[in-house]
Amino acid sequence: MTRYDYILTLSCPDRIGIVHSVSSWLLNLHGNIIDAQQFGDTETQCFFLRVHFTLPQAIGIGELEQRFAPLAEKFDMQAQLYDAQRKARLLILVSRQGHCLNDLLFRTHSGQLPVEIAGIVSNHNDYAPLADSYKVPFFHLPVSPETKPVQEQQILQLVERERIDLVVLARYMQILSQDLCKALSGRAINIHHSFLPSFKGARPYHQAHARGVKIIGATAHYVTADLDEGPIIEQDIERVDHAMSANDLAQVGSDVESLVLARAVRGHVEHRILLNGRRTVVFR
């Protein structure tokens, strides 16, 4: 039996009757709820909901949005509807550290991550052979302070031409301009070690080793114009000890960064992340 899967996400001021109204709307469509998660934030008085449901026949997203519009207006909802079977298209940005890129490529190729990698952009040529081995288009876009506006425009053109749903900064060691951050708002994820702001600049794991840290970690967040201060999506840590060298710490850190970034990407493409001001609601 063919299933037509959809996902509805919404946020709105919290009030009585939201879940009942959404359920009634689905009942009128002969929809079947596969999974539903909700959260009411008592601080902001906002309500968040994610519903995975099926329909007996395919209905276009545009038509579903039109049918849902009166309900969204009634409750002042920010609502989105998605085809759950459509794979998100990714554009990965990378510089010279390839552990996160390699991890995303493998997870995608092995079917662990439900995405299509439409292209890889780098300001260096190091990972062109890796991209070629996975038959993923590679775009070498060198950048300097003088050419940065032109290079970022090339990135935006790729995003539009390739119908990119999510841009992933997989250890892309360039600071994006405010204009590019604004253009990619809500659809660009960055990964960094969690030593910020204590260990800024080059060789953070060597700085951490010199200070004798006992925990290292990584943070994935949405990209904003405020450097490394966008809404946090996913974090994790690993314990380390005095017997480990700086290179050992860097290896552990690379593994954590790869895992955290993959989790963040999965959460986004499965529409499990809703913005709550400067924070996020992440449904598991």
Protein backbone atom coordinates (compact mmCIF):
# COMPACT_ATOMS: atom_id res chain seq x y z
CA MET A 1 0.00 0.00 0.00
CA THR A 2 1.42 3.38 -1.06
CA ARG A 3 1.97 5.89 1.75
CA TYR A 4 1.98 9.63 1.23
CA ASP A 5 3.96 11.05 4.12
CA TYR A 6 3.94 14.66 5.25
CA ILE A 7 5.30 16.68 8.15
CA LEU A 8 3.63 19.70 9.73
CA THR A 9 5.58 21.98 12.05
CA LEU A 10 4.20 25.06 13.76
CA SER A 11 4.74 27.58 16.49
CA CYS A 12 2.22 30.04 17.87
CA PRO A 13 1.05 31.73 21.06
CA ASP A 14 -0.03 29.02 23.49
CA ARG A 15 -3.78 28.71 23.99
CA ILE A 16 -6.49 26.10 24.39
CA GLY A 17 -7.61 24.10 21.36
CA ILE A 18 -4.51 24.02 19.15
CA VAL A 19 -3.94 20.24 19.16
CA HIS A 20 -7.67 19.52 18.87
CA SER A 21 -7.97 21.83 15.87
CA VAL A 22 -4.94 20.34 14.10
CA SER A 23 -6.22 16.81 14.75
CA SER A 24 -9.64 17.74 13.38
CA TRP A 25 -8.03 19.23 10.28
CA LEU A 26 -6.15 15.97 9.70
CA LEU A 27 -9.31 13.94 10.31
CA ASN A 28 -11.10 15.89 7.60
CA LEU A 29 -8.30 14.90 5.22
CA HIS A 30 -8.57 11.25 6.34
CA GLY A 31 -5.03 11.65 7.65
CA ASN A 32 -3.31 9.21 9.96
CA ILE A 33 -0.89 10.53 12.60
CA ILE A 34 2.35 8.52 12.67
CA ASP A 35 4.12 10.62 15.29
CA ALA A 36 3.38 13.86 17.12
CA GLN A 37 5.50 15.88 19.52
CA GLN A 38 4.62 19.12 21.26
CA PHE A 39 6.14 21.60 23.69
CA GLY A 40 4.70 24.58 25.52
CA ASP A 41 7.27 27.11 26.70
CA THR A 42 6.03 28.64 29.94
CA GLU A 43 8.58 31.46 29.71
CA THR A 44 7.65 32.72 26.24
CA GLN A 45 4.06 31.42 26.28
CA CYS A 46 4.70 29.86 22.89
CA PHE A 47 3.53 26.45 21.68
CA PHE A 48 5.47 24.18 19.31
CA LEU A 49 4.21 21.14 17.43
CA ARG A 50 5.60 18.61 14.93
CA VAL A 51 3.25 16.09 13.34
CA HIS A 52 4.27 13.31 10.95
CA PHE A 53 1.17 12.06 9.16
CA THR A 54 0.04 10.11 6.10
CA LEU A 55 -2.76 10.71 3.63
CA PRO A 56 -4.65 8.18 1.49
CA GLN A 57 -3.78 10.11 -1.66
CA ALA A 58 -1.05 12.54 -2.67
CA ILE A 59 -1.80 16.24 -2.21
CA GLY A 60 0.61 18.95 -3.32
CA ILE A 61 2.28 21.01 -0.62
CA GLY A 62 0.82 24.19 -2.08
CA GLU A 63 -2.71 22.83 -1.82
CA LEU A 64 -2.12 21.58 1.72
CA GLU A 65 -0.84 25.01 2.71
CA GLN A 66 -3.97 26.63 1.28
CA ARG A 67 -6.19 24.22 3.20
CA PHE A 68 -4.27 24.85 6.41
CA ALA A 69 -4.14 28.64 6.02
CA PRO A 70 -7.45 29.42 7.83
CA LEU A 71 -6.31 27.42 10.86
CA ALA A 72 -2.90 29.07 10.83
CA GLU A 73 -4.54 32.49 10.72
CA LYS A 74 -6.96 31.64 13.54
CA PHE A 75 -4.15 30.71 15.93
CA ASP A 76 -1.52 33.15 14.57
CA MET A 77 0.71 30.23 13.61
CA GLN A 78 4.05 30.13 11.88
CA ALA A 79 3.39 26.85 10.08
CA GLN A 80 5.27 24.80 7.48
CA LEU A 81 4.25 21.66 5.58
CA TYR A 82 6.75 19.28 4.00
CA ASP A 83 6.80 16.19 1.81
CA ALA A 84 8.44 13.74 4.23
CA GLN A 85 9.71 11.53 1.40
CA ARG A 86 11.60 14.30 -0.38
CA LYS A 87 15.32 14.32 0.39
CA ALA A 88 16.82 17.69 1.29
CA ARG A 89 19.55 19.00 -1.01
CA LEU A 90 22.78 20.01 0.74
CA LEU A 91 25.67 22.26 -0.23
CA ILE A 92 28.73 21.60 1.94
CA LEU A 93 31.38 24.26 2.52
CA VAL A 94 34.82 23.09 3.67
CA SER A 95 38.39 24.36 3.95
CA ARG A 96 41.35 22.15 4.86
CA GLN A 97 39.96 20.05 7.72
CA GLY A 98 38.00 17.24 6.10
CA HIS A 99 36.75 15.04 8.93
CA CYS A 100 33.21 16.46 8.97
CA LEU A 101 32.99 16.43 5.17
CA ASN A 102 34.17 12.82 4.99
CA ASP A 103 31.66 11.80 7.68
CA LEU A 104 28.71 13.47 5.90
CA LEU A 105 29.69 11.92 2.56
CA PHE A 106 29.89 8.43 4.06
CA ARG A 107 26.62 8.75 6.00
CA THR A 108 24.85 9.95 2.88
CA HIS A 109 26.37 7.31 0.60
CA SER A 110 25.53 4.49 3.05
CA GLY A 111 21.94 5.67 3.48
CA GLN A 112 22.34 6.70 7.12
CA LEU A 113 21.54 10.33 6.33
CA PRO A 114 18.44 11.03 4.19
CA VAL A 115 19.88 13.80 2.02
CA GLU A 116 21.31 14.53 -1.41
CA ILE A 117 24.67 16.29 -1.46
CA ALA A 118 24.33 18.56 -4.47
CA GLY A 119 27.83 19.98 -4.26
CA ILE A 120 30.93 20.78 -2.23
CA VAL A 121 32.44 24.26 -2.15
CA SER A 122 35.95 24.92 -0.92
CA ASN A 123 38.43 27.75 -0.96
CA HIS A 124 41.12 25.07 -1.44
CA ASN A 125 41.50 22.14 -3.83
CA ASP A 126 42.42 19.54 -1.20
CA TYR A 127 39.17 17.56 -1.28
CA ALA A 128 38.44 17.54 -4.99
CA PRO A 129 39.57 13.88 -5.23
CA LEU A 130 37.34 12.92 -2.27
CA ALA A 131 34.36 14.61 -3.89
CA ASP A 132 35.11 12.84 -7.17
CA SER A 133 35.25 9.45 -5.43
CA TYR A 134 31.64 10.01 -4.30
CA LYS A 135 30.67 11.53 -7.66
CA VAL A 136 29.71 14.82 -6.00
CA PRO A 137 30.33 18.08 -7.91
CA PHE A 138 33.25 20.06 -6.46
CA PHE A 139 33.50 23.84 -6.77
CA HIS A 140 36.85 25.46 -6.06
CA LEU A 141 36.10 29.06 -5.09
CA PRO A 142 39.27 30.73 -3.77
CA VAL A 143 38.71 33.74 -1.54
CA SER A 144 40.67 36.75 -0.35
CA PRO A 145 39.54 39.92 1.42
CA GLU A 146 39.35 41.63 -1.98
CA THR A 147 37.38 38.86 -3.72
CA LYS A 148 35.12 37.87 -0.80
CA PRO A 149 31.95 39.65 -2.10
CA VAL A 150 32.30 38.02 -5.52
CA GLN A 151 33.02 34.58 -4.02
CA GLU A 152 30.02 34.79 -1.71
CA GLN A 153 27.82 35.79 -4.64
CA GLN A 154 29.02 32.66 -6.44
CA ILE A 155 27.95 30.60 -3.42
CA LEU A 156 24.50 32.18 -3.45
CA GLN A 157 24.19 31.50 -7.17
CA LEU A 158 24.98 27.83 -6.50
CA VAL A 159 22.36 27.75 -3.74
CA GLU A 160 19.73 29.09 -6.12
CA ARG A 161 20.74 27.06 -9.18
CA GLU A 162 21.00 23.75 -7.30
CA ARG A 163 17.81 24.36 -5.27
CA ILE A 164 19.73 23.96 -2.01
CA ASP A 165 17.72 23.39 1.16
CA LEU A 166 20.62 23.52 3.62
CA VAL A 167 24.16 24.89 3.55
CA VAL A 168 26.53 23.04 5.89
CA LEU A 169 29.75 24.68 7.06
CA ALA A 170 31.83 21.55 7.65
CA ARG A 171 34.86 23.28 9.16
CA TYR A 172 34.74 26.09 6.60
CA MET A 173 37.30 28.49 8.00
CA GLN A 174 35.89 31.69 6.58
CA ILE A 175 33.69 34.24 8.35
CA LEU A 176 30.54 34.80 6.33
CA SER A 177 29.47 38.38 5.65
CA GLN A 178 26.30 39.80 7.18
CA ASP A 179 24.69 39.80 3.73
CA LEU A 180 25.38 36.09 3.20
CA CYS A 181 24.24 35.23 6.74
CA LYS A 182 20.99 37.08 6.09
CA ALA A 183 20.45 35.36 2.74
CA LEU A 184 20.97 31.93 4.34
CA SER A 185 19.07 32.65 7.55
CA GLY A 186 17.59 29.48 9.02
CA ARG A 187 19.18 27.23 6.39
CA ALA A 188 22.90 27.24 7.22
CA ILE A 189 24.51 25.20 10.00
CA ASN A 190 28.01 25.61 11.40
CA ILE A 191 30.12 23.35 13.62
CA HIS A 192 32.86 24.39 16.01
CA HIS A 193 34.73 23.12 19.03
CA SER A 194 33.15 24.15 22.30
CA PHE A 195 36.20 25.95 23.64
CA LEU A 196 34.90 29.26 22.36
CA PRO A 197 35.37 31.88 23.60
CA SER A 198 38.10 30.52 25.91
CA PHE A 199 40.34 29.19 23.15
CA LYS A 200 39.97 31.39 20.10
CA GLY A 201 42.11 31.40 17.00
CA ALA A 202 44.43 28.75 15.63
CA ARG A 203 45.17 25.35 17.17
CA PRO A 204 42.43 25.42 19.84
CA TYR A 205 43.11 21.82 20.92
CA HIS A 206 46.76 22.66 21.55
CA GLN A 207 45.62 25.65 23.62
CA ALA A 208 43.26 23.38 25.55
CA HIS A 209 46.02 20.83 26.12
CA ALA A 210 48.30 23.53 27.49
CA ARG A 211 45.59 24.44 30.03
CA GLY A 212 44.98 20.82 31.05
CA VAL A 213 41.30 20.63 30.16
CA LYS A 214 39.34 17.55 31.20
CA ILE A 215 36.34 17.86 28.86
CA ILE A 216 36.25 18.75 25.18
CA GLY A 217 33.22 19.04 22.97
CA ALA A 218 31.52 20.49 19.92
CA THR A 219 28.54 22.70 19.15
CA ALA A 220 26.40 22.88 16.01
CA HIS A 221 24.32 26.01 15.52
CA TYR A 222 22.51 28.04 12.91
CA VAL A 223 24.65 30.67 11.22
CA THR A 224 23.94 34.29 12.09
CA ALA A 225 25.81 37.56 11.68
CA ASP A 226 26.86 37.23 15.35
CA LEU A 227 29.89 34.99 15.00
CA ASP A 228 29.36 31.56 16.62
CA GLU A 229 26.35 32.84 18.57
CA GLY A 230 23.49 31.51 16.45
CA PRO A 231 20.75 29.31 17.96
CA ILE A 232 22.30 26.07 19.25
CA ILE A 233 21.03 22.84 17.69
CA GLU A 234 23.22 20.06 19.08
CA GLN A 235 26.15 19.61 21.47
CA ASP A 236 28.22 16.77 22.89
CA ILE A 237 31.34 16.23 24.99
CA GLU A 238 34.06 13.68 25.64
CA ARG A 239 36.25 13.37 28.72
CA VAL A 240 40.01 13.58 28.25
CA ASP A 241 42.91 13.29 30.68
CA HIS A 242 46.50 14.24 31.40
CA ALA A 243 47.94 11.27 29.51
CA MET A 244 46.61 12.48 26.18
CA SER A 245 48.70 14.60 23.82
CA ALA A 246 47.46 17.66 21.96
CA ASN A 247 47.12 15.50 18.84
CA ASP A 248 45.06 12.97 20.83
CA LEU A 249 42.73 15.79 21.88
CA ALA A 250 42.43 16.96 18.30
CA GLN A 251 41.46 13.43 17.19
CA VAL A 252 38.82 13.13 19.90
CA GLY A 253 37.58 16.60 19.02
CA SER A 254 37.31 15.70 15.34
CA ASP A 255 35.17 12.68 16.16
CA VAL A 256 32.85 14.73 18.38
CA GLU A 257 32.54 17.49 15.77
CA SER A 258 31.59 14.97 13.07
CA LEU A 259 28.95 13.31 15.24
CA VAL A 260 27.41 16.57 16.45
CA LEU A 261 27.24 18.03 12.95
CA ALA A 262 25.60 14.88 11.55
CA ARG A 263 22.98 14.98 14.31
CA ALA A 264 22.26 18.64 13.63
CA VAL A 265 21.91 18.06 9.89
CA ARG A 266 19.57 15.12 10.49
CA GLY A 267 17.43 17.16 12.85
CA HIS A 268 17.12 19.95 10.31
CA VAL A 269 16.31 17.82 7.27
CA GLU A 270 13.76 15.82 9.26
CA HIS A 271 12.14 19.12 10.30
CA ARG A 272 12.66 18.51 14.00
CA ILE A 273 14.07 21.95 14.82
CA LEU A 274 11.91 25.00 15.52
CA LEU A 275 13.27 28.39 16.45
CA ASN A 276 12.27 29.78 19.84
CA GLY A 277 13.79 33.26 19.84
CA ARG A 278 17.54 32.81 20.25
CA ARG A 279 17.03 29.19 21.28
CA THR A 280 15.75 26.09 19.51
CA VAL A 281 13.16 23.43 20.23
CA VAL A 282 14.57 20.11 18.98
CA PHE A 283 12.12 17.22 18.81
CA ARG A 284 13.76 13.78 19.01
